């Protein structure tokens, strides 16, 4: 058996850097957060994420599907019903993203205060 390849996100040539970039883009963590409660239709995702355009949501969901984080299920109806759901791999992101969300929400005030005072003094 061949050992699993070693990945190092600090190496500029390592593909794990691209993975990290996709996981920390503007919308992926928010989509994972919404889908952590179960599958959603496209319009529900757009409404719950808030502020994302349909085009960008489509692009992000396609990227997440390509990376194995979400599945897209189409149900034949008029109009067609499309549902998105986290895969097992996508669900493995819930805890780390919840931790980052918790940190951001707990420390947002401090960060905003630091920004306001930056350069003063």
N, C-alpha and C. Protein backbone atom coordinates (compact mmCIF):
# COMPACT_ATOMS: atom_id res chain seq x y z
N UNK A 1 0.83 -1.18 0.00
CA UNK A 1 0.00 0.00 0.00
C UNK A 1 0.87 1.25 0.00
N UNK A 2 0.48 2.20 -0.79
CA UNK A 2 1.18 3.48 -0.79
C UNK A 2 0.63 4.36 0.33
N UNK A 3 1.52 5.03 1.05
CA UNK A 3 1.04 5.92 2.10
C UNK A 3 0.31 7.12 1.48
N UNK A 4 -0.60 7.68 2.24
CA UNK A 4 -1.32 8.86 1.76
C UNK A 4 -0.32 9.99 1.55
N UNK A 5 -0.53 10.79 0.51
CA UNK A 5 0.40 11.89 0.28
C UNK A 5 0.36 12.89 1.43
N UNK A 6 1.51 13.45 1.72
CA UNK A 6 1.60 14.46 2.77
C UNK A 6 1.27 15.82 2.15
N UNK A 7 0.35 16.52 2.77
CA UNK A 7 -0.02 17.85 2.31
C UNK A 7 0.46 18.88 3.33
N UNK A 8 0.91 20.02 2.83
CA UNK A 8 1.39 21.10 3.69
C UNK A 8 0.85 22.41 3.16
N UNK A 9 -0.13 22.96 3.85
CA UNK A 9 -0.79 24.18 3.40
C UNK A 9 0.18 25.37 3.33
N UNK A 10 1.30 25.27 4.01
CA UNK A 10 2.28 26.36 3.98
C UNK A 10 3.15 26.33 2.73
N UNK A 11 3.11 25.22 1.99
CA UNK A 11 3.85 25.09 0.74
C UNK A 11 3.00 25.72 -0.38
N UNK A 12 3.49 26.77 -1.04
CA UNK A 12 2.70 27.44 -2.07
C UNK A 12 2.26 26.53 -3.22
N UNK A 13 2.97 25.44 -3.45
CA UNK A 13 2.62 24.54 -4.55
C UNK A 13 1.66 23.43 -4.12
N UNK A 14 1.34 23.35 -2.85
CA UNK A 14 0.52 22.26 -2.34
C UNK A 14 -0.95 22.48 -2.68
N UNK A 15 -1.63 21.45 -3.19
CA UNK A 15 -3.05 21.59 -3.53
C UNK A 15 -3.94 21.86 -2.31
N UNK A 16 -3.44 21.57 -1.12
CA UNK A 16 -4.25 21.86 0.07
C UNK A 16 -4.49 23.36 0.22
N UNK A 17 -3.64 24.17 -0.38
CA UNK A 17 -3.84 25.62 -0.34
C UNK A 17 -5.10 26.01 -1.10
N UNK A 18 -5.33 25.38 -2.24
CA UNK A 18 -6.53 25.64 -3.01
C UNK A 18 -7.76 25.20 -2.23
N UNK A 19 -7.66 24.05 -1.57
CA UNK A 19 -8.77 23.56 -0.75
C UNK A 19 -9.07 24.57 0.34
N UNK A 20 -8.05 25.04 1.04
CA UNK A 20 -8.25 26.02 2.11
C UNK A 20 -8.88 27.30 1.57
N UNK A 21 -8.43 27.75 0.42
CA UNK A 21 -8.99 28.97 -0.18
C UNK A 21 -10.47 28.80 -0.46
N UNK A 22 -10.87 27.64 -0.98
CA UNK A 22 -12.29 27.40 -1.26
C UNK A 22 -13.10 27.34 0.02
N UNK A 23 -12.54 26.74 1.05
CA UNK A 23 -13.27 26.59 2.32
C UNK A 23 -13.44 27.91 3.06
N UNK A 24 -12.55 28.84 2.80
CA UNK A 24 -12.60 30.11 3.53
C UNK A 24 -13.02 31.28 2.65
N UNK A 25 -13.63 30.98 1.50
CA UNK A 25 -14.11 32.08 0.68
C UNK A 25 -15.27 32.75 1.40
N UNK A 26 -15.85 33.72 0.80
CA UNK A 26 -16.89 34.52 1.45
C UNK A 26 -18.16 33.72 1.74
N UNK A 27 -18.52 32.77 0.89
CA UNK A 27 -19.84 32.14 0.97
C UNK A 27 -19.85 30.71 1.46
N UNK A 28 -18.81 29.94 1.23
CA UNK A 28 -18.81 28.52 1.60
C UNK A 28 -19.12 28.30 3.07
N UNK A 29 -18.48 29.00 4.01
CA UNK A 29 -18.82 28.77 5.43
C UNK A 29 -20.29 29.06 5.75
N UNK A 30 -20.86 30.06 5.10
CA UNK A 30 -22.26 30.40 5.35
C UNK A 30 -23.19 29.33 4.79
N UNK A 31 -22.84 28.80 3.62
CA UNK A 31 -23.65 27.73 3.02
C UNK A 31 -23.57 26.47 3.88
N UNK A 32 -22.38 26.13 4.35
CA UNK A 32 -22.23 24.97 5.23
C UNK A 32 -23.07 25.16 6.49
N UNK A 33 -23.07 26.36 7.04
CA UNK A 33 -23.85 26.64 8.24
C UNK A 33 -25.33 26.41 7.99
N UNK A 34 -25.85 26.93 6.89
CA UNK A 34 -27.28 26.74 6.57
C UNK A 34 -27.58 25.26 6.34
N UNK A 35 -26.74 24.58 5.56
CA UNK A 35 -27.00 23.18 5.24
C UNK A 35 -26.74 22.24 6.42
N UNK A 36 -26.11 22.74 7.47
CA UNK A 36 -25.88 21.89 8.65
C UNK A 36 -27.20 21.49 9.30
N UNK A 37 -28.26 22.25 9.03
CA UNK A 37 -29.59 21.93 9.56
C UNK A 37 -30.40 21.03 8.62
N UNK A 38 -29.84 20.64 7.48
CA UNK A 38 -30.53 19.77 6.55
C UNK A 38 -30.58 20.36 5.15
N UNK A 39 -31.14 19.60 4.23
CA UNK A 39 -31.14 20.02 2.84
C UNK A 39 -31.99 21.27 2.64
N UNK A 40 -31.65 22.03 1.59
CA UNK A 40 -32.37 23.25 1.25
C UNK A 40 -32.50 23.36 -0.25
N UNK A 41 -33.56 24.01 -0.66
CA UNK A 41 -33.72 24.37 -2.06
C UNK A 41 -32.90 25.63 -2.31
N UNK A 42 -32.65 25.90 -3.58
CA UNK A 42 -31.81 27.04 -3.96
C UNK A 42 -32.33 28.35 -3.36
N UNK A 43 -33.62 28.62 -3.53
CA UNK A 43 -34.19 29.86 -3.02
C UNK A 43 -34.10 29.97 -1.51
N UNK A 44 -34.26 28.86 -0.82
CA UNK A 44 -34.11 28.87 0.64
C UNK A 44 -32.69 29.21 1.03
N UNK A 45 -31.73 28.61 0.33
CA UNK A 45 -30.32 28.91 0.60
C UNK A 45 -30.04 30.40 0.39
N UNK A 46 -30.50 30.93 -0.73
CA UNK A 46 -30.27 32.35 -1.04
C UNK A 46 -30.85 33.23 0.06
N UNK A 47 -32.06 32.92 0.50
CA UNK A 47 -32.70 33.72 1.54
C UNK A 47 -31.98 33.61 2.89
N UNK A 48 -31.60 32.39 3.26
CA UNK A 48 -30.98 32.18 4.57
C UNK A 48 -29.55 32.69 4.64
N UNK A 49 -28.82 32.59 3.55
CA UNK A 49 -27.45 33.10 3.54
C UNK A 49 -27.47 34.62 3.58
N UNK A 50 -28.35 35.23 2.82
CA UNK A 50 -28.49 36.68 2.83
C UNK A 50 -27.33 37.40 2.15
N UNK A 51 -27.66 38.23 1.17
CA UNK A 51 -26.66 39.05 0.51
C UNK A 51 -25.94 38.42 -0.66
N UNK A 52 -26.18 37.16 -0.91
CA UNK A 52 -25.51 36.48 -2.03
C UNK A 52 -26.41 36.57 -3.27
N UNK A 53 -25.79 36.86 -4.40
CA UNK A 53 -26.57 36.88 -5.64
C UNK A 53 -26.79 35.46 -6.13
N UNK A 54 -27.80 35.29 -6.96
CA UNK A 54 -28.09 33.96 -7.52
C UNK A 54 -26.89 33.43 -8.30
N UNK A 55 -26.24 34.29 -9.05
CA UNK A 55 -25.08 33.87 -9.85
C UNK A 55 -23.95 33.36 -8.97
N UNK A 56 -23.63 34.11 -7.93
CA UNK A 56 -22.52 33.72 -7.05
C UNK A 56 -22.90 32.47 -6.26
N UNK A 57 -24.15 32.37 -5.82
CA UNK A 57 -24.58 31.17 -5.10
C UNK A 57 -24.46 29.95 -6.01
N UNK A 58 -24.88 30.08 -7.25
CA UNK A 58 -24.76 28.98 -8.21
C UNK A 58 -23.30 28.57 -8.38
N UNK A 59 -22.42 29.55 -8.56
CA UNK A 59 -20.99 29.25 -8.74
C UNK A 59 -20.41 28.57 -7.50
N UNK A 60 -20.78 29.06 -6.33
CA UNK A 60 -20.24 28.49 -5.10
C UNK A 60 -20.76 27.07 -4.89
N UNK A 61 -22.04 26.85 -5.13
CA UNK A 61 -22.59 25.50 -4.99
C UNK A 61 -21.95 24.54 -5.98
N UNK A 62 -21.71 24.98 -7.20
CA UNK A 62 -21.03 24.11 -8.19
C UNK A 62 -19.63 23.74 -7.73
N UNK A 63 -18.93 24.73 -7.19
CA UNK A 63 -17.58 24.48 -6.68
C UNK A 63 -17.63 23.50 -5.50
N UNK A 64 -18.59 23.69 -4.62
CA UNK A 64 -18.72 22.79 -3.47
C UNK A 64 -19.12 21.39 -3.91
N UNK A 65 -19.95 21.29 -4.94
CA UNK A 65 -20.33 19.98 -5.47
C UNK A 65 -19.12 19.30 -6.11
N UNK A 66 -18.36 20.06 -6.87
CA UNK A 66 -17.15 19.52 -7.51
C UNK A 66 -16.16 19.02 -6.47
N UNK A 67 -16.07 19.72 -5.33
CA UNK A 67 -15.13 19.35 -4.27
C UNK A 67 -15.67 18.26 -3.36
N UNK A 68 -16.89 17.78 -3.63
CA UNK A 68 -17.45 16.69 -2.85
C UNK A 68 -18.07 17.10 -1.54
N UNK A 69 -18.40 18.39 -1.39
CA UNK A 69 -18.94 18.90 -0.13
C UNK A 69 -20.47 18.89 -0.10
N UNK A 70 -21.10 19.02 -1.26
CA UNK A 70 -22.56 19.00 -1.33
C UNK A 70 -23.01 18.09 -2.48
N UNK A 71 -24.24 17.62 -2.34
CA UNK A 71 -24.87 16.91 -3.44
C UNK A 71 -26.05 17.75 -3.91
N UNK A 72 -26.34 17.63 -5.17
CA UNK A 72 -27.45 18.34 -5.81
C UNK A 72 -28.41 17.29 -6.31
N UNK A 73 -29.65 17.36 -5.83
CA UNK A 73 -30.67 16.39 -6.23
C UNK A 73 -31.78 17.12 -6.97
N UNK A 74 -32.09 16.63 -8.17
CA UNK A 74 -33.15 17.22 -8.98
C UNK A 74 -34.34 16.27 -8.96
N UNK A 75 -35.50 16.83 -8.62
CA UNK A 75 -36.75 16.07 -8.63
C UNK A 75 -37.59 16.58 -9.78
N UNK A 76 -38.02 15.66 -10.63
CA UNK A 76 -38.82 16.05 -11.80
C UNK A 76 -40.18 16.56 -11.34
N UNK A 77 -40.41 17.81 -11.58
CA UNK A 77 -41.70 18.45 -11.30
C UNK A 77 -41.74 19.72 -12.12
N UNK A 78 -42.84 20.43 -12.05
CA UNK A 78 -42.94 21.69 -12.77
C UNK A 78 -43.22 22.78 -11.75
N UNK A 79 -42.28 23.68 -11.50
CA UNK A 79 -40.89 23.65 -12.00
C UNK A 79 -40.08 22.56 -11.31
N UNK A 80 -38.92 22.26 -11.88
CA UNK A 80 -38.06 21.22 -11.31
C UNK A 80 -37.65 21.63 -9.90
N UNK A 81 -37.59 20.67 -9.01
CA UNK A 81 -37.17 20.92 -7.63
C UNK A 81 -35.70 20.50 -7.51
N UNK A 82 -34.88 21.40 -7.02
CA UNK A 82 -33.46 21.13 -6.83
C UNK A 82 -33.13 21.34 -5.35
N UNK A 83 -32.59 20.30 -4.73
CA UNK A 83 -32.21 20.36 -3.32
C UNK A 83 -30.71 20.17 -3.19
N UNK A 84 -30.14 20.85 -2.21
CA UNK A 84 -28.71 20.74 -1.91
C UNK A 84 -28.57 20.21 -0.50
N UNK A 85 -27.58 19.31 -0.33
CA UNK A 85 -27.36 18.70 0.97
C UNK A 85 -25.86 18.47 1.16
N UNK A 86 -25.40 18.57 2.38
CA UNK A 86 -24.00 18.29 2.67
C UNK A 86 -23.72 16.79 2.53
N UNK A 87 -22.58 16.46 1.99
CA UNK A 87 -22.10 15.09 1.97
C UNK A 87 -21.46 14.80 3.33
N UNK A 88 -20.99 13.58 3.52
CA UNK A 88 -20.25 13.27 4.75
C UNK A 88 -19.03 14.17 4.87
N UNK A 89 -18.35 14.38 3.75
CA UNK A 89 -17.18 15.26 3.76
C UNK A 89 -17.60 16.69 4.13
N UNK A 90 -18.68 17.17 3.57
CA UNK A 90 -19.18 18.50 3.90
C UNK A 90 -19.59 18.61 5.36
N UNK A 91 -20.22 17.56 5.89
CA UNK A 91 -20.63 17.57 7.30
C UNK A 91 -19.42 17.61 8.23
N UNK A 92 -18.27 17.12 7.75
CA UNK A 92 -17.07 17.17 8.60
C UNK A 92 -16.58 18.61 8.79
N UNK A 93 -17.12 19.54 8.02
CA UNK A 93 -16.77 20.96 8.17
C UNK A 93 -17.62 21.69 9.20
N UNK A 94 -18.72 21.10 9.62
CA UNK A 94 -19.65 21.81 10.50
C UNK A 94 -18.97 22.28 11.78
N UNK A 95 -18.29 21.39 12.49
CA UNK A 95 -17.67 21.77 13.77
C UNK A 95 -16.61 22.85 13.60
N UNK A 96 -15.68 22.73 12.65
CA UNK A 96 -14.69 23.81 12.50
C UNK A 96 -15.33 25.14 12.13
N UNK A 97 -16.34 25.11 11.27
CA UNK A 97 -16.99 26.36 10.88
C UNK A 97 -17.78 26.94 12.03
N UNK A 98 -18.43 26.09 12.84
CA UNK A 98 -19.13 26.59 14.01
C UNK A 98 -18.15 27.24 14.98
N UNK A 99 -16.96 26.66 15.12
CA UNK A 99 -15.95 27.24 16.01
C UNK A 99 -15.52 28.61 15.51
N UNK A 100 -15.28 28.75 14.20
CA UNK A 100 -14.92 30.05 13.64
C UNK A 100 -16.05 31.06 13.78
N UNK A 101 -17.28 30.61 13.56
CA UNK A 101 -18.43 31.50 13.71
C UNK A 101 -18.53 31.99 15.15
N UNK A 102 -18.39 31.07 16.09
CA UNK A 102 -18.44 31.44 17.50
C UNK A 102 -17.38 32.47 17.85
N UNK A 103 -16.16 32.24 17.35
CA UNK A 103 -15.08 33.19 17.63
C UNK A 103 -15.41 34.55 17.03
N UNK A 104 -15.85 34.57 15.77
CA UNK A 104 -16.15 35.83 15.09
C UNK A 104 -17.25 36.59 15.82
N UNK A 105 -18.30 35.89 16.23
CA UNK A 105 -19.40 36.56 16.91
C UNK A 105 -19.00 37.03 18.31
N UNK A 106 -18.16 36.26 19.00
CA UNK A 106 -17.72 36.64 20.35
C UNK A 106 -16.73 37.80 20.33
N UNK A 107 -15.94 37.93 19.26
CA UNK A 107 -14.87 38.92 19.24
C UNK A 107 -15.08 40.05 18.24
N UNK A 108 -16.21 40.08 17.56
CA UNK A 108 -16.45 41.12 16.56
C UNK A 108 -16.33 42.51 17.15
N UNK A 109 -16.85 42.72 18.35
CA UNK A 109 -16.76 44.03 18.99
C UNK A 109 -15.33 44.47 19.21
N UNK A 110 -14.49 43.55 19.67
CA UNK A 110 -13.08 43.87 19.89
C UNK A 110 -12.37 44.21 18.58
N UNK A 111 -12.68 43.45 17.55
CA UNK A 111 -12.07 43.72 16.25
C UNK A 111 -12.51 45.08 15.73
N UNK A 112 -13.79 45.38 15.85
CA UNK A 112 -14.29 46.69 15.40
C UNK A 112 -13.66 47.82 16.20
N UNK A 113 -13.49 47.62 17.51
CA UNK A 113 -12.83 48.64 18.34
C UNK A 113 -11.38 48.84 17.90
N UNK A 114 -10.69 47.74 17.61
CA UNK A 114 -9.30 47.83 17.16
C UNK A 114 -9.21 48.57 15.83
N UNK A 115 -10.14 48.29 14.93
CA UNK A 115 -10.14 48.99 13.65
C UNK A 115 -10.37 50.48 13.84
N UNK A 116 -11.28 50.81 14.73
CA UNK A 116 -11.60 52.21 14.96
C UNK A 116 -10.42 52.97 15.55
N UNK A 117 -9.63 52.30 16.37
CA UNK A 117 -8.52 52.98 17.02
C UNK A 117 -7.20 52.82 16.26
N UNK A 118 -7.20 52.06 15.20
CA UNK A 118 -5.97 51.79 14.46
C UNK A 118 -5.42 53.10 13.89
N UNK A 119 -4.17 53.28 14.07
CA UNK A 119 -3.53 54.48 13.54
C UNK A 119 -3.64 55.69 14.46
N UNK A 120 -4.43 55.59 15.51
CA UNK A 120 -4.53 56.70 16.46
C UNK A 120 -3.43 56.56 17.49
N UNK A 121 -3.05 57.69 18.08
CA UNK A 121 -2.09 57.65 19.18
C UNK A 121 -0.79 58.01 18.73
